[in-house]
Amino acid sequence: MLGGRTSKNRFMNKKTRTILFAICVFLFALTAPSIILYSQGYRFDFETRKVVQTGGLYFKVAPRSAEVYLNSKFKNTTSVFTSSSLIENLLPKTYYAEIKKDGYYSWQKTLTVEERRVTEAKNITLIPQNINFTTTSSPLPKITGNATSSDGQKVIEADDHEIWISFPKEEKKIFLTRFSEIIGKIFWLNDYYLIFNVGDKLKVAEIDDRDRLNVVDIAEFKNPEMFWDFSSGKLYVLSEKVLSVSKNLLP
């Protein structure tokens, strides 16, 4: 009797192992394609009810350690070393992106992610808030306006109310913005931002014309005459015969 039970138990154990092995093989065969597809960036989009490949968003921001938000949800912080952030595995659709850092105006834009592509916003400069100007008796540095950006790729074209940017090598021109008041002097803050005055208000604007244009007011002077010193990153403003100078505006 004991030998019979032992043989029966061995038979049952062997049968159980066979069944468990078959189940494991079945589950592997069932899940392996999904795992492979997932690793290759495929996702199921519940809105469109389709399997799609993901894309990404790449940001490069000055200054470093800025916070990145997508659709008002925090995603990550830009690298201390590279000042950049790559957000992967995003479904192909539009996203409301926002870059924030304490003491700076935030940057916002709606960006479209496409399948198997990374959408870039790699020329973001956050502008300081509460810029302090101090009066100075020092002579005004020798400053010459230049309609061409320092990289030689872009040229400012403007009249009293509109600003355009032309790209001579690409033979194209984009409309940037329009104001009801008269636009004063315009300078390149850097290769991707402009600094200018409209009436009494001093403004900084990006030239990335995708979606909304990020324009911020940094100060206000009566009948200002602006002088931008690119080498020092300081803005000089002559107003009512008083010369004022800002701190370094560039991060």
Protein backbone atom coordinates (compact mmCIF):
# COMPACT_ATOMS: atom_id res chain seq x y z
CA MET A 1 0.00 0.00 0.00
CA LEU A 2 2.78 2.40 0.91
CA GLY A 3 4.62 1.74 -2.34
CA GLY A 4 1.38 2.33 -4.28
CA ARG A 5 0.80 5.64 -2.59
CA THR A 6 4.38 6.73 -3.25
CA SER A 7 4.06 5.90 -6.94
CA LYS A 8 0.76 7.72 -7.08
CA ASN A 9 2.23 10.78 -5.34
CA ARG A 10 5.16 10.80 -7.73
CA PHE A 11 2.76 10.58 -10.63
CA MET A 12 0.71 13.46 -9.23
CA ASN A 13 3.82 15.58 -8.61
CA LYS A 14 5.05 14.95 -12.12
CA LYS A 15 1.63 15.79 -13.52
CA THR A 16 1.46 18.96 -11.40
CA ARG A 17 4.92 20.06 -12.55
CA THR A 18 3.94 19.43 -16.15
CA ILE A 19 0.78 21.50 -15.75
CA LEU A 20 2.65 24.33 -14.01
CA PHE A 21 5.32 24.28 -16.71
CA ALA A 22 2.67 24.44 -19.42
CA ILE A 23 1.00 27.37 -17.66
CA CYS A 24 4.32 29.21 -17.41
CA VAL A 25 5.04 28.63 -21.09
CA PHE A 26 1.57 29.87 -21.97
CA LEU A 27 1.91 32.98 -19.82
CA PHE A 28 5.35 33.71 -21.26
CA ALA A 29 4.05 33.30 -24.80
CA LEU A 30 1.17 35.60 -23.91
CA THR A 31 3.17 38.34 -22.22
CA ALA A 32 6.48 38.25 -24.14
CA PRO A 33 5.15 40.15 -27.18
CA SER A 34 3.67 42.80 -24.88
CA ILE A 35 6.96 43.17 -23.03
CA ILE A 36 8.88 43.48 -26.29
CA LEU A 37 6.41 46.01 -27.68
CA TYR A 38 6.52 47.98 -24.42
CA SER A 39 10.33 48.07 -24.48
CA GLN A 40 10.15 49.40 -28.05
CA GLY A 41 7.91 52.26 -26.97
CA TYR A 42 4.50 50.93 -27.95
CA ARG A 43 1.57 51.91 -25.74
CA PHE A 44 -2.19 51.60 -25.90
CA ASP A 45 -3.82 55.02 -26.21
CA PHE A 46 -7.19 54.79 -24.47
CA GLU A 47 -8.36 58.07 -26.03
CA THR A 48 -7.87 56.89 -29.61
CA ARG A 49 -8.16 53.17 -28.75
CA LYS A 50 -5.09 52.43 -30.81
CA VAL A 51 -1.64 51.03 -30.18
CA VAL A 52 0.88 53.79 -30.84
CA GLN A 53 4.57 54.40 -30.45
CA THR A 54 5.60 56.98 -27.90
CA GLY A 55 7.67 60.11 -28.34
CA GLY A 56 9.36 62.54 -26.01
CA LEU A 57 10.05 66.13 -25.01
CA TYR A 58 13.50 67.60 -24.54
CA PHE A 59 14.10 70.85 -22.67
CA LYS A 60 17.30 72.83 -22.18
CA VAL A 61 16.90 75.72 -19.80
CA ALA A 62 19.03 78.51 -18.38
CA PRO A 63 19.45 78.73 -15.45
CA ARG A 64 19.94 75.16 -14.21
CA SER A 65 17.72 73.21 -11.81
CA ALA A 66 14.42 74.46 -13.22
CA GLU A 67 11.23 72.48 -12.63
CA VAL A 68 9.43 70.90 -15.59
CA TYR A 69 5.64 70.48 -15.58
CA LEU A 70 3.44 68.78 -18.16
CA ASN A 71 -0.30 69.44 -18.08
CA SER A 72 0.24 71.09 -14.67
CA LYS A 73 1.89 67.95 -13.21
CA PHE A 74 5.48 68.01 -12.00
CA LYS A 75 7.74 65.74 -14.04
CA ASN A 76 11.35 66.43 -13.05
CA THR A 77 14.05 69.03 -12.59
CA THR A 78 16.58 69.98 -15.23
CA SER A 79 20.07 68.62 -14.67
CA VAL A 80 22.52 70.59 -12.57
CA PHE A 81 25.27 69.61 -15.03
CA THR A 82 23.60 69.78 -18.46
CA SER A 83 20.69 72.12 -17.63
CA SER A 84 18.47 69.77 -19.65
CA SER A 85 15.59 67.34 -19.18
CA LEU A 86 14.36 64.50 -21.39
CA ILE A 87 10.86 63.17 -20.78
CA GLU A 88 10.28 59.89 -22.61
CA ASN A 89 7.41 57.47 -23.26
CA LEU A 90 4.84 60.17 -23.97
CA LEU A 91 1.75 59.39 -26.00
CA PRO A 92 1.59 61.31 -29.29
CA LYS A 93 -0.59 64.34 -28.55
CA THR A 94 -0.26 67.94 -27.38
CA TYR A 95 1.06 68.81 -23.93
CA TYR A 96 0.98 72.05 -21.97
CA ALA A 97 4.56 72.51 -20.82
CA GLU A 98 5.65 74.87 -18.10
CA ILE A 99 9.15 75.60 -16.79
CA LYS A 100 9.44 77.18 -13.34
CA LYS A 101 12.15 78.41 -11.01
CA ASP A 102 11.86 80.59 -7.93
CA GLY A 103 12.72 84.22 -8.67
CA TYR A 104 12.10 83.90 -12.43
CA TYR A 105 9.15 84.32 -14.76
CA SER A 106 7.80 80.95 -15.83
CA TRP A 107 7.89 79.75 -19.44
CA GLN A 108 4.78 78.16 -20.96
CA LYS A 109 4.03 76.61 -24.31
CA THR A 110 1.82 73.93 -25.85
CA LEU A 111 4.01 71.39 -27.64
CA THR A 112 3.05 68.48 -29.87
CA VAL A 113 4.64 65.06 -29.42
CA GLU A 114 4.77 62.78 -32.46
CA GLU A 115 5.40 59.04 -32.64
CA ARG A 116 9.08 58.04 -32.49
CA ARG A 117 10.16 61.68 -32.31
CA VAL A 118 11.51 63.97 -29.63
CA THR A 119 10.13 67.51 -29.70
CA GLU A 120 12.76 69.99 -28.57
CA ALA A 121 12.61 73.27 -26.70
CA LYS A 122 16.30 73.73 -26.10
CA ASN A 123 16.77 77.50 -26.10
CA ILE A 124 14.75 78.50 -23.05
CA THR A 125 16.00 81.42 -20.96
CA LEU A 126 14.11 82.24 -17.78
CA ILE A 127 13.98 85.97 -17.09
CA PRO A 128 14.56 87.22 -13.52
CA GLN A 129 11.69 88.84 -11.66
CA ASN A 130 12.01 92.06 -9.67
CA ILE A 131 15.02 93.34 -11.57
CA ASN A 132 16.72 96.08 -9.60
CA PHE A 133 18.04 99.18 -11.32
CA THR A 134 20.48 101.56 -9.66
CA THR A 135 21.37 105.05 -10.77
CA THR A 136 24.91 105.50 -11.97
CA SER A 137 27.17 108.40 -12.80
CA SER A 138 29.55 106.21 -14.76
CA PRO A 139 29.85 106.98 -18.45
CA LEU A 140 27.67 104.88 -20.70
CA PRO A 141 29.63 101.98 -22.22
CA LYS A 142 30.18 102.09 -25.96
CA ILE A 143 27.18 100.14 -27.20
CA THR A 144 26.14 99.63 -30.79
CA GLY A 145 22.85 98.10 -31.79
CA ASN A 146 22.96 95.10 -34.08
CA ALA A 147 20.02 93.74 -36.00
CA THR A 148 21.81 90.42 -36.58
CA SER A 149 22.10 87.83 -33.82
CA SER A 150 25.57 86.86 -32.63
CA ASP A 151 25.31 83.48 -34.35
CA GLY A 152 24.68 85.27 -37.65
CA GLN A 153 21.56 83.21 -38.35
CA LYS A 154 18.76 85.68 -37.59
CA VAL A 155 17.96 89.31 -38.37
CA ILE A 156 15.47 91.66 -36.67
CA GLU A 157 13.04 93.41 -38.98
CA ALA A 158 10.70 95.87 -37.31
CA ASP A 159 8.60 98.98 -37.79
CA ASP A 160 6.80 101.15 -35.24
CA HIS A 161 4.34 98.40 -34.25
CA GLU A 162 5.52 94.99 -35.51
CA ILE A 163 8.54 92.76 -35.05
CA TRP A 164 9.61 90.14 -37.56
CA ILE A 165 12.57 87.75 -37.55
CA SER A 166 14.17 86.74 -40.82
CA PHE A 167 16.41 83.74 -41.41
CA PRO A 168 18.51 84.67 -44.47
CA LYS A 169 20.13 81.26 -44.95
CA GLU A 170 16.76 79.52 -44.81
CA GLU A 171 15.11 82.26 -46.89
CA LYS A 172 12.19 82.58 -44.50
CA LYS A 173 10.71 85.19 -42.19
CA ILE A 174 8.39 84.81 -39.21
CA PHE A 175 6.02 87.32 -37.66
CA LEU A 176 6.81 87.64 -33.99
CA THR A 177 4.46 90.14 -32.35
CA ARG A 178 2.55 93.41 -32.70
CA PHE A 179 1.84 96.25 -30.27
CA SER A 180 -0.53 99.19 -30.42
CA GLU A 181 2.11 101.48 -28.87
CA ILE A 182 5.30 102.44 -30.67
CA ILE A 183 8.22 100.04 -30.35
CA GLY A 184 11.50 101.66 -29.37
CA LYS A 185 14.98 100.19 -29.60
CA ILE A 186 15.37 96.43 -30.03
CA PHE A 187 18.43 94.41 -29.07
CA TRP A 188 19.33 90.73 -29.05
CA LEU A 189 19.36 89.63 -25.40
CA ASN A 190 20.94 86.41 -26.64
CA ASP A 191 20.54 84.42 -29.85
CA TYR A 192 16.96 83.44 -29.00
CA TYR A 193 15.52 86.38 -27.04
CA LEU A 194 14.94 90.07 -27.71
CA ILE A 195 14.93 93.00 -25.31
CA PHE A 196 13.09 96.18 -26.28
CA ASN A 197 10.76 98.88 -25.04
CA VAL A 198 7.15 99.56 -25.98
CA GLY A 199 6.22 102.99 -24.72
CA ASP A 200 7.44 103.20 -21.13
CA LYS A 201 7.60 99.43 -20.60
CA LEU A 202 10.76 97.38 -21.02
CA LYS A 203 10.09 93.89 -22.35
CA VAL A 204 11.86 90.61 -23.11
CA ALA A 205 10.44 88.22 -25.70
CA GLU A 206 11.50 84.84 -27.04
CA ILE A 207 11.56 84.21 -30.79
CA ASP A 208 10.11 80.67 -30.62
CA ASP A 209 6.78 81.30 -32.36
CA ARG A 210 5.29 77.89 -31.66
CA ASP A 211 2.00 78.39 -29.82
CA ARG A 212 2.00 81.38 -27.46
CA LEU A 213 4.90 83.82 -27.38
CA ASN A 214 6.51 84.27 -23.98
CA VAL A 215 6.82 88.03 -23.38
CA VAL A 216 7.48 89.56 -19.96
CA ASP A 217 7.65 93.14 -18.66
CA ILE A 218 10.84 93.67 -16.69
CA ALA A 219 10.62 97.38 -15.79
CA GLU A 220 8.96 100.71 -16.55
CA PHE A 221 10.58 104.10 -17.10
CA LYS A 222 9.24 107.37 -18.42
CA ASN A 223 10.30 107.93 -22.04
CA PRO A 224 13.16 105.43 -21.75
CA GLU A 225 16.17 105.24 -24.01
CA MET A 226 17.66 101.76 -23.77
CA PHE A 227 21.25 100.57 -24.15
CA TRP A 228 21.97 96.84 -23.90
CA ASP A 229 25.52 95.84 -23.00
CA PHE A 230 25.75 92.24 -24.18
CA SER A 231 29.28 91.75 -22.84
CA SER A 232 28.27 92.49 -19.23
CA GLY A 233 24.64 91.37 -19.47
CA LYS A 234 23.50 94.71 -18.08
CA LEU A 235 20.78 97.02 -19.32
CA TYR A 236 21.25 100.79 -19.19
CA VAL A 237 18.20 103.07 -19.25
CA LEU A 238 18.27 106.83 -19.67
CA SER A 239 15.07 108.38 -18.34
CA GLU A 240 14.50 112.04 -17.52
CA LYS A 241 18.26 112.66 -17.72
CA VAL A 242 18.96 109.97 -15.13
CA LEU A 243 21.00 106.92 -16.15
CA SER A 244 20.14 103.63 -14.46
CA VAL A 245 21.76 100.23 -14.81
CA SER A 246 20.40 96.78 -14.06
CA LYS A 247 22.09 93.78 -12.56
CA ASN A 248 23.20 91.01 -14.91
CA LEU A 249 20.06 89.80 -16.70
CA LEU A 250 21.56 86.64 -18.15
CA PRO A 251 21.60 83.50 -15.99
